Amino acid sequence: MSENNFRCGFVALVGRPNVGKSTLLNRLVGQKISITSRRPQTTRHRILGIKTESDYQIVFVDTPGLHATQPRAMNRYLNRAASDSLAGVDVVLFLTDGTRWQEDDDWVLQKLQNLSCPVIAVVNKVDRIAGKETLLPFMQMLSGKREFAEIIPLSARTGDRLEALEAAVLQHLPLSPPHYEEDQVTDRSQRFLAAELVREKLFRKLGEEIPYGLTVEIESFKEERNVLHIHALVWVEKASHKPIVIGHKGQLLKEVGREAREDMQQAFGQKVFLQLWVKVKEGWADDERALQSLGYDET
């Protein structure tokens, strides 16, 4: 590793909810760092994914989806977390959901207006564009929205054209020694990742059946005889949500626990004993103090 020509910098992934930022982060880093689901606003925290090679280190910053509507404290927190993540980055990747342009895309672009760093437009999910003849006109429309350093169509799901994106990013990274150790892939703890994996399984199982008033808190995280013992609390906003999360005869929660435990064992490289409980905290997603107590503190 030659420090004279080593490049290192921070690259923020931004866009409206559900454009594939977390899927792209995981694909770029080569392992699961950020949870994903089909539900908008699955990502609730700023998460770093670190990719280190012999001559560069890219620190990708996954952010919650930016959205104009901010009816609740949770929505306002998500927008603050995403906006704050733009400070001091070297490159911004602005993602769109294929050729599906919405008002929130324009709103995100307005947020990027005063940035001095290069912005690369990433047209994601091109594998799902039925008529490829729509791609070129969309890219031309994009180029008229602002001056992008580059416009790159790709698929985070399949990995198609990821090399082109990485090459474009590297052109704009400063000469700098690495910020993180060579084997570090994220700034988040195992405790944080455990909570996120449980929440991912819940989001995927519940679909649209439960509102956004659901979060996961790790009450206990300790290792005994090479086994991680994790006790997690699933917080819901209303008493009526509790039986939905638990499922008939506890089946849904059992499936969530089994799938989350399997993912944890793969991620942490050791056996995991996971216990889940569901509790009610009325209106937590619209209470600033409750958000902070549950770890939504933008750090």
C-alpha atoms as a PDB file:
ATOM      1  CA  MET A   1       0.000   0.000   0.000  1.00  0.00           C
ATOM      2  CA  SER A   2       1.746   3.173  -1.217  1.00  0.00           C
ATOM      3  CA  GLU A   3       0.634   6.230   0.700  1.00  0.00           C
ATOM      4  CA  ASN A   4       1.868   8.556  -2.062  1.00  0.00           C
ATOM      5  CA  ASN A   5      -0.862   7.597  -4.529  1.00  0.00           C
ATOM      6  CA  PHE A   6      -3.479   6.200  -2.121  1.00  0.00           C
ATOM      7  CA  ARG A   7      -6.952   7.685  -2.489  1.00  0.00           C
ATOM      8  CA  CYS A   8      -9.572   7.867   0.234  1.00  0.00           C
ATOM      9  CA  GLY A   9     -12.820   9.764   0.598  1.00  0.00           C
ATOM     10  CA  PHE A  10     -16.463   9.814   1.663  1.00  0.00           C
ATOM     11  CA  VAL A  11     -19.252   9.113  -0.839  1.00  0.00           C
ATOM     12  CA  ALA A  12     -22.885   9.789   0.141  1.00  0.00           C
ATOM     13  CA  LEU A  13     -25.749   7.809  -1.393  1.00  0.00           C
ATOM     14  CA  VAL A  14     -28.849  10.012  -1.546  1.00  0.00           C
ATOM     15  CA  GLY A  15     -32.285   9.854  -3.116  1.00  0.00           C
ATOM     16  CA  ARG A  16     -35.941   9.590  -2.282  1.00  0.00           C
ATOM     17  CA  PRO A  17     -37.150   6.505  -0.379  1.00  0.00           C
ATOM     18  CA  ASN A  18     -36.915   3.091  -2.044  1.00  0.00           C
ATOM     19  CA  VAL A  19     -34.542   3.918  -4.920  1.00  0.00           C
ATOM     20  CA  GLY A  20     -32.123   1.154  -3.833  1.00  0.00           C
ATOM     21  CA  LYS A  21     -29.457   2.989  -1.831  1.00  0.00           C
ATOM     22  CA  SER A  22     -28.970   0.216   0.739  1.00  0.00           C
ATOM     23  CA  THR A  23     -28.917  -2.524  -1.908  1.00  0.00           C
ATOM     24  CA  LEU A  24     -26.249  -0.556  -3.780  1.00  0.00           C
ATOM     25  CA  LEU A  25     -24.195  -0.050  -0.609  1.00  0.00           C
ATOM     26  CA  ASN A  26     -24.252  -3.775   0.184  1.00  0.00           C
ATOM     27  CA  ARG A  27     -23.286  -4.651  -3.374  1.00  0.00           C
ATOM     28  CA  LEU A  28     -20.412  -2.122  -3.471  1.00  0.00           C
ATOM     29  CA  VAL A  29     -18.974  -3.276  -0.134  1.00  0.00           C
ATOM     30  CA  GLY A  30     -19.507  -6.940  -0.925  1.00  0.00           C
ATOM     31  CA  GLN A  31     -21.497  -7.874   2.148  1.00  0.00           C
ATOM     32  CA  LYS A  32     -24.659  -6.969   4.033  1.00  0.00           C
ATOM     33  CA  ILE A  33     -24.172  -3.727   5.942  1.00  0.00           C
ATOM     34  CA  SER A  34     -27.525  -2.003   5.511  1.00  0.00           C
ATOM     35  CA  ILE A  35     -30.906  -3.729   5.762  1.00  0.00           C
ATOM     36  CA  THR A  36     -33.303  -3.742   2.824  1.00  0.00           C
ATOM     37  CA  SER A  37     -36.997  -4.278   2.182  1.00  0.00           C
ATOM     38  CA  ARG A  38     -39.562  -3.175  -0.369  1.00  0.00           C
ATOM     39  CA  ARG A  39     -40.994  -0.707   2.102  1.00  0.00           C
ATOM     40  CA  PRO A  40     -39.957   2.936   1.800  1.00  0.00           C
ATOM     41  CA  GLN A  41     -37.889   4.379   4.664  1.00  0.00           C
ATOM     42  CA  THR A  42     -36.463   1.017   5.726  1.00  0.00           C
ATOM     43  CA  THR A  43     -33.123   2.785   6.304  1.00  0.00           C
ATOM     44  CA  ARG A  44     -33.443   4.984   9.389  1.00  0.00           C
ATOM     45  CA  HIS A  45     -29.823   5.722  10.243  1.00  0.00           C
ATOM     46  CA  ARG A  46     -26.661   7.010   8.618  1.00  0.00           C
ATOM     47  CA  ILE A  47     -24.547   3.895   8.029  1.00  0.00           C
ATOM     48  CA  LEU A  48     -20.999   3.677   6.704  1.00  0.00           C
ATOM     49  CA  GLY A  49     -19.900   0.907   4.359  1.00  0.00           C
ATOM     50  CA  ILE A  50     -16.117   0.794   3.903  1.00  0.00           C
ATOM     51  CA  LYS A  51     -14.408  -0.717   0.872  1.00  0.00           C
ATOM     52  CA  THR A  52     -10.604  -0.972   1.027  1.00  0.00           C
ATOM     53  CA  GLU A  53      -8.331  -2.079  -1.802  1.00  0.00           C
ATOM     54  CA  SER A  54      -4.548  -1.862  -2.275  1.00  0.00           C
ATOM     55  CA  ASP A  55      -4.615   1.722  -3.563  1.00  0.00           C
ATOM     56  CA  TYR A  56      -7.891   3.209  -2.322  1.00  0.00           C
ATOM     57  CA  GLN A  57     -10.529   3.240   0.404  1.00  0.00           C
ATOM     58  CA  ILE A  58     -14.073   4.388  -0.342  1.00  0.00           C
ATOM     59  CA  VAL A  59     -16.265   5.209   2.650  1.00  0.00           C
ATOM     60  CA  PHE A  60     -19.848   4.951   1.404  1.00  0.00           C
ATOM     61  CA  VAL A  61     -22.482   6.754   3.479  1.00  0.00           C
ATOM     62  CA  ASP A  62     -25.952   5.187   3.265  1.00  0.00           C
ATOM     63  CA  THR A  63     -28.697   7.653   4.194  1.00  0.00           C
ATOM     64  CA  PRO A  64     -32.439   7.532   4.856  1.00  0.00           C
ATOM     65  CA  GLY A  65     -34.599   8.476   1.878  1.00  0.00           C
ATOM     66  CA  LEU A  66     -35.223  12.210   1.583  1.00  0.00           C
ATOM     67  CA  HIS A  67     -38.894  13.117   1.264  1.00  0.00           C
ATOM     68  CA  ALA A  68     -40.787  16.401   1.211  1.00  0.00           C
ATOM     69  CA  THR A  69     -43.684  15.276   3.423  1.00  0.00           C
ATOM     70  CA  GLN A  70     -42.713  15.463   7.099  1.00  0.00           C
ATOM     71  CA  PRO A  71     -45.889  14.801   9.104  1.00  0.00           C
ATOM     72  CA  ARG A  72     -44.256  13.094  12.088  1.00  0.00           C
ATOM     73  CA  ALA A  73     -41.181  13.378  14.271  1.00  0.00           C
ATOM     74  CA  MET A  74     -39.774  10.214  12.662  1.00  0.00           C
ATOM     75  CA  ASN A  75     -40.037  11.744   9.173  1.00  0.00           C
ATOM     76  CA  ARG A  76     -38.285  14.899  10.329  1.00  0.00           C
ATOM     77  CA  TYR A  77     -35.538  12.819  11.959  1.00  0.00           C
ATOM     78  CA  LEU A  78     -34.985  10.839   8.747  1.00  0.00           C
ATOM     79  CA  ASN A  79     -34.609  14.011   6.685  1.00  0.00           C
ATOM     80  CA  ARG A  80     -32.201  15.552   9.211  1.00  0.00           C
ATOM     81  CA  ALA A  81     -30.084  12.388   9.286  1.00  0.00           C
ATOM     82  CA  ALA A  82     -29.897  12.304   5.477  1.00  0.00           C
ATOM     83  CA  SER A  83     -29.173  16.027   5.092  1.00  0.00           C
ATOM     84  CA  ASP A  84     -26.504  16.033   7.807  1.00  0.00           C
ATOM     85  CA  SER A  85     -24.734  13.141   6.071  1.00  0.00           C
ATOM     86  CA  LEU A  86     -23.923  15.416   3.125  1.00  0.00           C
ATOM     87  CA  ALA A  87     -21.583  17.585   5.171  1.00  0.00           C
ATOM     88  CA  GLY A  88     -17.931  17.091   4.257  1.00  0.00           C
ATOM     89  CA  VAL A  89     -18.369  14.317   1.673  1.00  0.00           C
ATOM     90  CA  ASP A  90     -16.165  14.176  -1.432  1.00  0.00           C
ATOM     91  CA  VAL A  91     -18.739  12.770  -3.865  1.00  0.00           C
ATOM     92  CA  VAL A  92     -22.535  12.412  -3.885  1.00  0.00           C
ATOM     93  CA  LEU A  93     -24.356   9.609  -5.686  1.00  0.00           C
ATOM     94  CA  PHE A  94     -27.884  10.750  -6.547  1.00  0.00           C
ATOM     95  CA  LEU A  95     -30.020   7.659  -7.154  1.00  0.00           C
ATOM     96  CA  THR A  96     -33.242   7.369  -9.109  1.00  0.00           C
ATOM     97  CA  ASP A  97     -35.618   4.414  -9.333  1.00  0.00           C
ATOM     98  CA  GLY A  98     -35.061   3.559 -12.983  1.00  0.00           C
ATOM     99  CA  THR A  99     -36.872   6.069 -15.178  1.00  0.00           C
ATOM    100  CA  ARG A 100     -39.638   6.691 -12.618  1.00  0.00           C
ATOM    101  CA  TRP A 101     -39.268  10.397 -11.790  1.00  0.00           C
ATOM    102  CA  GLN A 102     -41.363  11.800  -8.933  1.00  0.00           C
ATOM    103  CA  GLU A 103     -41.792  15.134  -7.172  1.00  0.00           C
ATOM    104  CA  ASP A 104     -39.565  13.964  -4.323  1.00  0.00           C
ATOM    105  CA  ASP A 105     -36.722  13.486  -6.843  1.00  0.00           C
ATOM    106  CA  ASP A 106     -36.919  17.202  -7.668  1.00  0.00           C
ATOM    107  CA  TRP A 107     -37.033  17.968  -3.943  1.00  0.00           C
ATOM    108  CA  VAL A 108     -33.853  15.936  -3.343  1.00  0.00           C
ATOM    109  CA  LEU A 109     -32.086  17.753  -6.187  1.00  0.00           C
ATOM    110  CA  GLN A 110     -32.954  21.067  -4.559  1.00  0.00           C
ATOM    111  CA  LYS A 111     -31.232  19.825  -1.394  1.00  0.00           C
ATOM    112  CA  LEU A 112     -28.083  19.226  -3.456  1.00  0.00           C
ATOM    113  CA  GLN A 113     -28.083  22.666  -5.104  1.00  0.00           C
ATOM    114  CA  ASN A 114     -25.404  24.295  -2.950  1.00  0.00           C
ATOM    115  CA  LEU A 115     -23.005  21.353  -2.788  1.00  0.00           C
ATOM    116  CA  SER A 116     -19.506  22.079  -4.049  1.00  0.00           C
ATOM    117  CA  CYS A 117     -18.520  18.416  -4.482  1.00  0.00           C
ATOM    118  CA  PRO A 118     -19.212  16.390  -7.679  1.00  0.00           C
ATOM    119  CA  VAL A 119     -22.641  14.756  -7.970  1.00  0.00           C
ATOM    120  CA  ILE A 120     -22.933  11.563 -10.011  1.00  0.00           C
ATOM    121  CA  ALA A 121     -26.433  10.586 -11.142  1.00  0.00           C
ATOM    122  CA  VAL A 122     -27.111   6.857 -10.783  1.00  0.00           C
ATOM    123  CA  VAL A 123     -30.078   5.477 -12.712  1.00  0.00           C
ATOM    124  CA  ASN A 124     -30.702   2.324 -10.682  1.00  0.00           C
ATOM    125  CA  LYS A 125     -32.877  -0.727 -11.434  1.00  0.00           C
ATOM    126  CA  VAL A 126     -32.212  -0.653 -15.194  1.00  0.00           C
ATOM    127  CA  ASP A 127     -32.764  -4.427 -15.188  1.00  0.00           C
ATOM    128  CA  ARG A 128     -36.456  -3.678 -14.560  1.00  0.00           C
ATOM    129  CA  ILE A 129     -36.881  -1.166 -17.384  1.00  0.00           C
ATOM    130  CA  ALA A 130     -39.033  -3.027 -19.907  1.00  0.00           C
ATOM    131  CA  GLY A 131     -38.435  -0.738 -22.866  1.00  0.00           C
ATOM    132  CA  LYS A 132     -34.753   0.203 -23.007  1.00  0.00           C
ATOM    133  CA  GLU A 133     -35.624   2.925 -25.518  1.00  0.00           C
ATOM    134  CA  THR A 134     -36.928   4.991 -22.587  1.00  0.00           C
ATOM    135  CA  LEU A 135     -33.515   5.061 -20.872  1.00  0.00           C
ATOM    136  CA  LEU A 136     -31.717   7.490 -23.186  1.00  0.00           C
ATOM    137  CA  PRO A 137     -34.475  10.161 -23.152  1.00  0.00           C
ATOM    138  CA  PHE A 138     -34.593   9.869 -19.351  1.00  0.00           C
ATOM    139  CA  MET A 139     -30.834  10.385 -19.085  1.00  0.00           C
ATOM    140  CA  GLN A 140     -31.134  13.413 -21.387  1.00  0.00           C
ATOM    141  CA  MET A 141     -33.893  14.790 -19.159  1.00  0.00           C
ATOM    142  CA  LEU A 142     -31.656  14.227 -16.124  1.00  0.00           C
ATOM    143  CA  SER A 143     -28.757  16.104 -17.690  1.00  0.00           C
ATOM    144  CA  GLY A 144     -31.024  19.121 -18.021  1.00  0.00           C
ATOM    145  CA  LYS A 145     -31.855  19.109 -14.307  1.00  0.00           C
ATOM    146  CA  ARG A 146     -28.342  20.071 -13.172  1.00  0.00           C
ATOM    147  CA  GLU A 147     -24.697  19.606 -14.123  1.00  0.00           C
ATOM    148  CA  PHE A 148     -23.771  16.067 -13.113  1.00  0.00           C
ATOM    149  CA  ALA A 149     -20.179  14.842 -13.104  1.00  0.00           C
ATOM    150  CA  GLU A 150     -21.518  11.731 -14.842  1.00  0.00           C
ATOM    151  CA  ILE A 151     -24.779   9.842 -15.406  1.00  0.00           C
ATOM    152  CA  ILE A 152     -24.457   6.082 -14.940  1.00  0.00           C
ATOM    153  CA  PRO A 153     -27.258   3.537 -15.484  1.00  0.00           C
ATOM    154  CA  LEU A 154     -26.819   0.339 -13.474  1.00  0.00           C
ATOM    155  CA  SER A 155     -28.507  -2.391 -11.464  1.00  0.00           C
ATOM    156  CA  ALA A 156     -27.591  -2.685  -7.802  1.00  0.00           C
ATOM    157  CA  ARG A 157     -29.566  -5.932  -7.642  1.00  0.00           C
ATOM    158  CA  THR A 158     -27.582  -7.721 -10.358  1.00  0.00           C
ATOM    159  CA  GLY A 159     -24.312  -5.782 -10.018  1.00  0.00           C
ATOM    160  CA  ASP A 160     -24.389  -4.740 -13.672  1.00  0.00           C
ATOM    161  CA  ARG A 161     -22.109  -1.719 -14.394  1.00  0.00           C
ATOM    162  CA  LEU A 162     -20.904  -1.352 -10.808  1.00  0.00           C
ATOM    163  CA  GLU A 163     -17.324  -1.185 -12.090  1.00  0.00           C
ATOM    164  CA  ALA A 164     -18.191   1.903 -14.149  1.00  0.00           C
ATOM    165  CA  LEU A 165     -19.629   3.607 -11.073  1.00  0.00           C
ATOM    166  CA  GLU A 166     -16.622   2.780  -8.923  1.00  0.00           C
ATOM    167  CA  ALA A 167     -14.234   4.055 -11.596  1.00  0.00           C
ATOM    168  CA  ALA A 168     -16.172   7.325 -11.818  1.00  0.00           C
ATOM    169  CA  VAL A 169     -16.078   7.735  -8.023  1.00  0.00           C
ATOM    170  CA  LEU A 170     -12.323   7.100  -7.845  1.00  0.00           C
ATOM    171  CA  GLN A 171     -11.632   9.957 -10.252  1.00  0.00           C
ATOM    172  CA  HIS A 172     -12.956  12.408  -7.660  1.00  0.00           C
ATOM    173  CA  LEU A 173     -11.419  11.011  -4.465  1.00  0.00           C
ATOM    174  CA  PRO A 174      -8.560  12.997  -2.926  1.00  0.00           C
ATOM    175  CA  LEU A 175      -5.078  11.630  -2.311  1.00  0.00           C
ATOM    176  CA  SER A 176      -5.281  10.658   1.339  1.00  0.00           C
ATOM    177  CA  PRO A 177      -4.284   7.828   3.691  1.00  0.00           C
ATOM    178  CA  PRO A 178      -7.117   5.495   4.746  1.00  0.00           C
ATOM    179  CA  HIS A 179      -9.491   6.663   7.484  1.00  0.00           C
ATOM    180  CA  TYR A 180     -10.278   3.149   8.714  1.00  0.00           C
ATOM    181  CA  GLU A 181      -8.453  -0.119   9.302  1.00  0.00           C
ATOM    182  CA  GLU A 182      -8.089  -2.395   6.286  1.00  0.00           C
ATOM    183  CA  ASP A 183     -10.474  -5.069   7.613  1.00  0.00           C
ATOM    184  CA  GLN A 184     -13.183  -2.698   8.874  1.00  0.00           C
ATOM    185  CA  VAL A 185     -16.370  -2.710   6.759  1.00  0.00           C
ATOM    186  CA  THR A 186     -18.694  -0.488   8.801  1.00  0.00           C
ATOM    187  CA  ASP A 187     -18.708   1.987  11.677  1.00  0.00           C
ATOM    188  CA  ARG A 188     -21.672   0.281  13.330  1.00  0.00           C
ATOM    189  CA  SER A 189     -21.484  -2.198  16.205  1.00  0.00           C
ATOM    190  CA  GLN A 190     -22.738  -5.787  16.226  1.00  0.00           C
ATOM    191  CA  ARG A 191     -25.389  -4.671  18.704  1.00  0.00           C
ATOM    192  CA  PHE A 192     -26.708  -2.094  16.201  1.00  0.00           C
ATOM    193  CA  LEU A 193     -26.616  -4.608  13.322  1.00  0.00           C
ATOM    194  CA  ALA A 194     -28.513  -7.173  15.408  1.00  0.00           C
ATOM    195  CA  ALA A 195     -31.372  -4.716  15.969  1.00  0.00           C
ATOM    196  CA  GLU A 196     -31.417  -3.805  12.285  1.00  0.00           C
ATOM    197  CA  LEU A 197     -31.572  -7.461  11.177  1.00  0.00           C
ATOM    198  CA  VAL A 198     -34.599  -8.094  13.399  1.00  0.00           C
ATOM    199  CA  ARG A 199     -36.297  -4.965  12.043  1.00  0.00           C
ATOM    200  CA  GLU A 200     -35.572  -6.035   8.454  1.00  0.00           C
ATOM    201  CA  LYS A 201     -37.290  -9.400   8.967  1.00  0.00           C
ATOM    202  CA  LEU A 202     -40.293  -7.707  10.568  1.00  0.00           C
ATOM    203  CA  PHE A 203     -40.628  -5.235   7.689  1.00  0.00           C
ATOM    204  CA  ARG A 204     -40.419  -8.040   5.147  1.00  0.00           C
ATOM    205  CA  LYS A 205     -42.933 -10.286   6.940  1.00  0.00           C
ATOM    206  CA  LEU A 206     -45.456  -7.580   7.760  1.00  0.00           C
ATOM    207  CA  GLY A 207     -45.459  -5.758   4.424  1.00  0.00           C
ATOM    208  CA  GLU A 208     -48.092  -3.021   4.543  1.00  0.00           C
ATOM    209  CA  GLU A 209     -49.921  -4.653   7.449  1.00  0.00           C
ATOM    210  CA  ILE A 210     -48.268  -2.570  10.163  1.00  0.00           C
ATOM    211  CA  PRO A 211     -47.528   1.179  10.126  1.00  0.00           C
ATOM    212  CA  TYR A 212     -44.089   2.714  10.520  1.00  0.00           C
ATOM    213  CA  GLY A 213     -44.508   2.762  14.294  1.00  0.00           C
ATOM    214  CA  LEU A 214     -42.240  -0.236  14.835  1.00  0.00           C
ATOM    215  CA  THR A 215     -38.660  -0.301  16.049  1.00  0.00           C
ATOM    216  CA  VAL A 216     -36.246  -2.704  17.717  1.00  0.00           C
ATOM    217  CA  GLU A 217     -34.130  -2.130  20.817  1.00  0.00           C
ATOM    218  CA  ILE A 218     -31.427  -4.523  22.032  1.00  0.00           C
ATOM    219  CA  GLU A 219     -31.961  -4.930  25.763  1.00  0.00           C
ATOM    220  CA  SER A 220     -29.087  -7.364  26.349  1.00  0.00           C
ATOM    221  CA  PHE A 221     -26.089  -8.382  24.214  1.00  0.00           C
ATOM    222  CA  LYS A 222     -23.478 -10.617  25.821  1.00  0.00           C
ATOM    223  CA  GLU A 223     -21.232 -13.540  24.988  1.00  0.00           C
ATOM    224  CA  GLU A 224     -21.169 -16.698  27.119  1.00  0.00           C
ATOM    225  CA  ARG A 225     -19.112 -19.771  26.167  1.00  0.00           C
ATOM    226  CA  ASN A 226     -18.678 -18.583  22.570  1.00  0.00           C
ATOM    227  CA  VAL A 227     -22.427 -18.026  22.163  1.00  0.00           C
ATOM    228  CA  LEU A 228     -23.940 -14.561  21.711  1.00  0.00           C
ATOM    229  CA  HIS A 229     -27.045 -14.153  23.880  1.00  0.00           C
ATOM    230  CA  ILE A 230     -29.215 -11.373  22.461  1.00  0.00           C
ATOM    231  CA  HIS A 231     -32.479 -10.156  23.969  1.00  0.00           C
ATOM    232  CA  ALA A 232     -34.392  -7.751  21.727  1.00  0.00           C
ATOM    233  CA  LEU A 233     -37.504  -5.673  22.345  1.00  0.00           C
ATOM    234  CA  VAL A 234     -39.849  -4.929  19.456  1.00  0.00           C
ATOM    235  CA  TRP A 235     -41.639  -1.648  20.199  1.00  0.00           C
ATOM    236  CA  VAL A 236     -44.988  -0.892  18.556  1.00  0.00           C
ATOM    237  CA  GLU A 237     -47.126   2.246  18.837  1.00  0.00           C
ATOM    238  CA  LYS A 238     -50.503   0.712  19.655  1.00  0.00           C
ATOM    239  CA  ALA A 239     -51.741  -2.265  21.656  1.00  0.00           C
ATOM    240  CA  SER A 240     -53.644  -3.450  18.561  1.00  0.00           C
ATOM    241  CA  HIS A 241     -50.342  -3.804  16.690  1.00  0.00           C
ATOM    242  CA  LYS A 242     -48.893  -6.257  19.193  1.00  0.00           C
ATOM    243  CA  PRO A 243     -50.868  -9.378  18.140  1.00  0.00           C
ATOM    244  CA  ILE A 244     -50.149  -8.579  14.479  1.00  0.00           C
ATOM    245  CA  VAL A 245     -46.399  -8.643  15.123  1.00  0.00           C
ATOM    246  CA  ILE A 246     -46.622 -11.805  17.235  1.00  0.00           C
ATOM    247  CA  GLY A 247     -48.822 -13.595  14.696  1.00  0.00           C
ATOM    248  CA  HIS A 248     -51.171 -16.549  15.129  1.00  0.00           C
ATOM    249  CA  LYS A 249     -49.876 -18.689  18.003  1.00  0.00           C
ATOM    250  CA  GLY A 250     -46.668 -16.680  17.914  1.00  0.00           C
ATOM    251  CA  GLN A 251     -45.750 -18.031  14.482  1.00  0.00           C
ATOM    252  CA  LEU A 252     -44.741 -14.757  12.804  1.00  0.00           C
ATOM    253  CA  LEU A 253     -42.424 -13.716  15.627  1.00  0.00           C
ATOM    254  CA  LYS A 254     -40.864 -17.207  15.663  1.00  0.00           C
ATOM    255  CA  GLU A 255     -40.101 -16.963  11.934  1.00  0.00           C
ATOM    256  CA  VAL A 256     -38.641 -13.468  12.384  1.00  0.00           C
ATOM    257  CA  GLY A 257     -36.449 -14.734  15.212  1.00  0.00           C
ATOM    258  CA  ARG A 258     -35.224 -17.754  13.264  1.00  0.00           C
ATOM    259  CA  GLU A 259     -34.368 -15.781  10.108  1.00  0.00           C
ATOM    260  CA  ALA A 260     -32.718 -12.940  12.045  1.00  0.00           C
ATOM    261  CA  ARG A 261     -30.673 -15.420  14.103  1.00  0.00           C
ATOM    262  CA  GLU A 262     -29.445 -17.170  10.945  1.00  0.00           C
ATOM    263  CA  ASP A 263     -28.348 -13.829   9.449  1.00  0.00           C
ATOM    264  CA  MET A 264     -26.628 -12.834  12.695  1.00  0.00           C
ATOM    265  CA  GLN A 265     -24.693 -16.104  12.857  1.00  0.00           C
ATOM    266  CA  GLN A 266     -23.473 -15.552   9.317  1.00  0.00           C
ATOM    267  CA  ALA A 267     -22.584 -11.899   9.973  1.00  0.00           C
ATOM    268  CA  PHE A 268     -20.938 -12.419  13.370  1.00  0.00           C
ATOM    269  CA  GLY A 269     -19.316 -15.790  12.664  1.00  0.00           C
ATOM    270  CA  GLN A 270     -20.570 -17.503  15.817  1.00  0.00           C
ATOM    271  CA  LYS A 271     -23.612 -19.148  17.349  1.00  0.00           C
ATOM    272  CA  VAL A 272     -26.428 -16.823  18.440  1.00  0.00           C
ATOM    273  CA  PHE A 273     -29.216 -17.346  20.975  1.00  0.00           C
ATOM    274  CA  LEU A 274     -31.932 -14.759  20.224  1.00  0.00           C
ATOM    275  CA  GLN A 275     -35.015 -13.913  22.265  1.00  0.00           C
ATOM    276  CA  LEU A 276     -37.691 -11.455  21.133  1.00  0.00           C
ATOM    277  CA  TRP A 277     -40.396  -9.642  23.082  1.00  0.00           C
ATOM    278  CA  VAL A 278     -43.052  -7.243  21.793  1.00  0.00           C
ATOM    279  CA  LYS A 279     -43.979  -4.190  23.897  1.00  0.00           C
ATOM    280  CA  VAL A 280     -46.149  -1.103  23.399  1.00  0.00           C
ATOM    281  CA  LYS A 281     -44.883   2.484  23.637  1.00  0.00           C
ATOM    282  CA  GLU A 282     -47.762   4.738  22.632  1.00  0.00           C
ATOM    283  CA  GLY A 283     -46.909   7.281  19.928  1.00  0.00           C
ATOM    284  CA  TRP A 284     -43.140   6.819  20.094  1.00  0.00           C
ATOM    285  CA  ALA A 285     -42.614   7.676  16.391  1.00  0.00           C
ATOM    286  CA  ASP A 286     -44.087  11.152  16.900  1.00  0.00           C
ATOM    287  CA  ASP A 287     -42.236  11.943  20.135  1.00  0.00           C
ATOM    288  CA  GLU A 288     -38.768  13.534  19.872  1.00  0.00           C
ATOM    289  CA  ARG A 289     -37.705  12.362  23.345  1.00  0.00           C
ATOM    290  CA  ALA A 290     -38.922   8.811  22.723  1.00  0.00           C
ATOM    291  CA  LEU A 291     -36.997   8.750  19.432  1.00  0.00           C
ATOM    292  CA  GLN A 292     -33.789   9.750  21.213  1.00  0.00           C
ATOM    293  CA  SER A 293     -34.282   7.136  23.941  1.00  0.00           C
ATOM    294  CA  LEU A 294     -34.643   4.457  21.248  1.00  0.00           C
ATOM    295  CA  GLY A 295     -31.392   5.399  19.519  1.00  0.00           C
ATOM    296  CA  TYR A 296     -32.598   7.893  16.924  1.00  0.00           C
ATOM    297  CA  ASP A 297     -30.057  10.542  17.822  1.00  0.00           C
ATOM    298  CA  GLU A 298     -28.323  11.116  14.430  1.00  0.00           C
ATOM    299  CA  THR A 299     -25.000   9.670  15.626  1.00  0.00           C
END
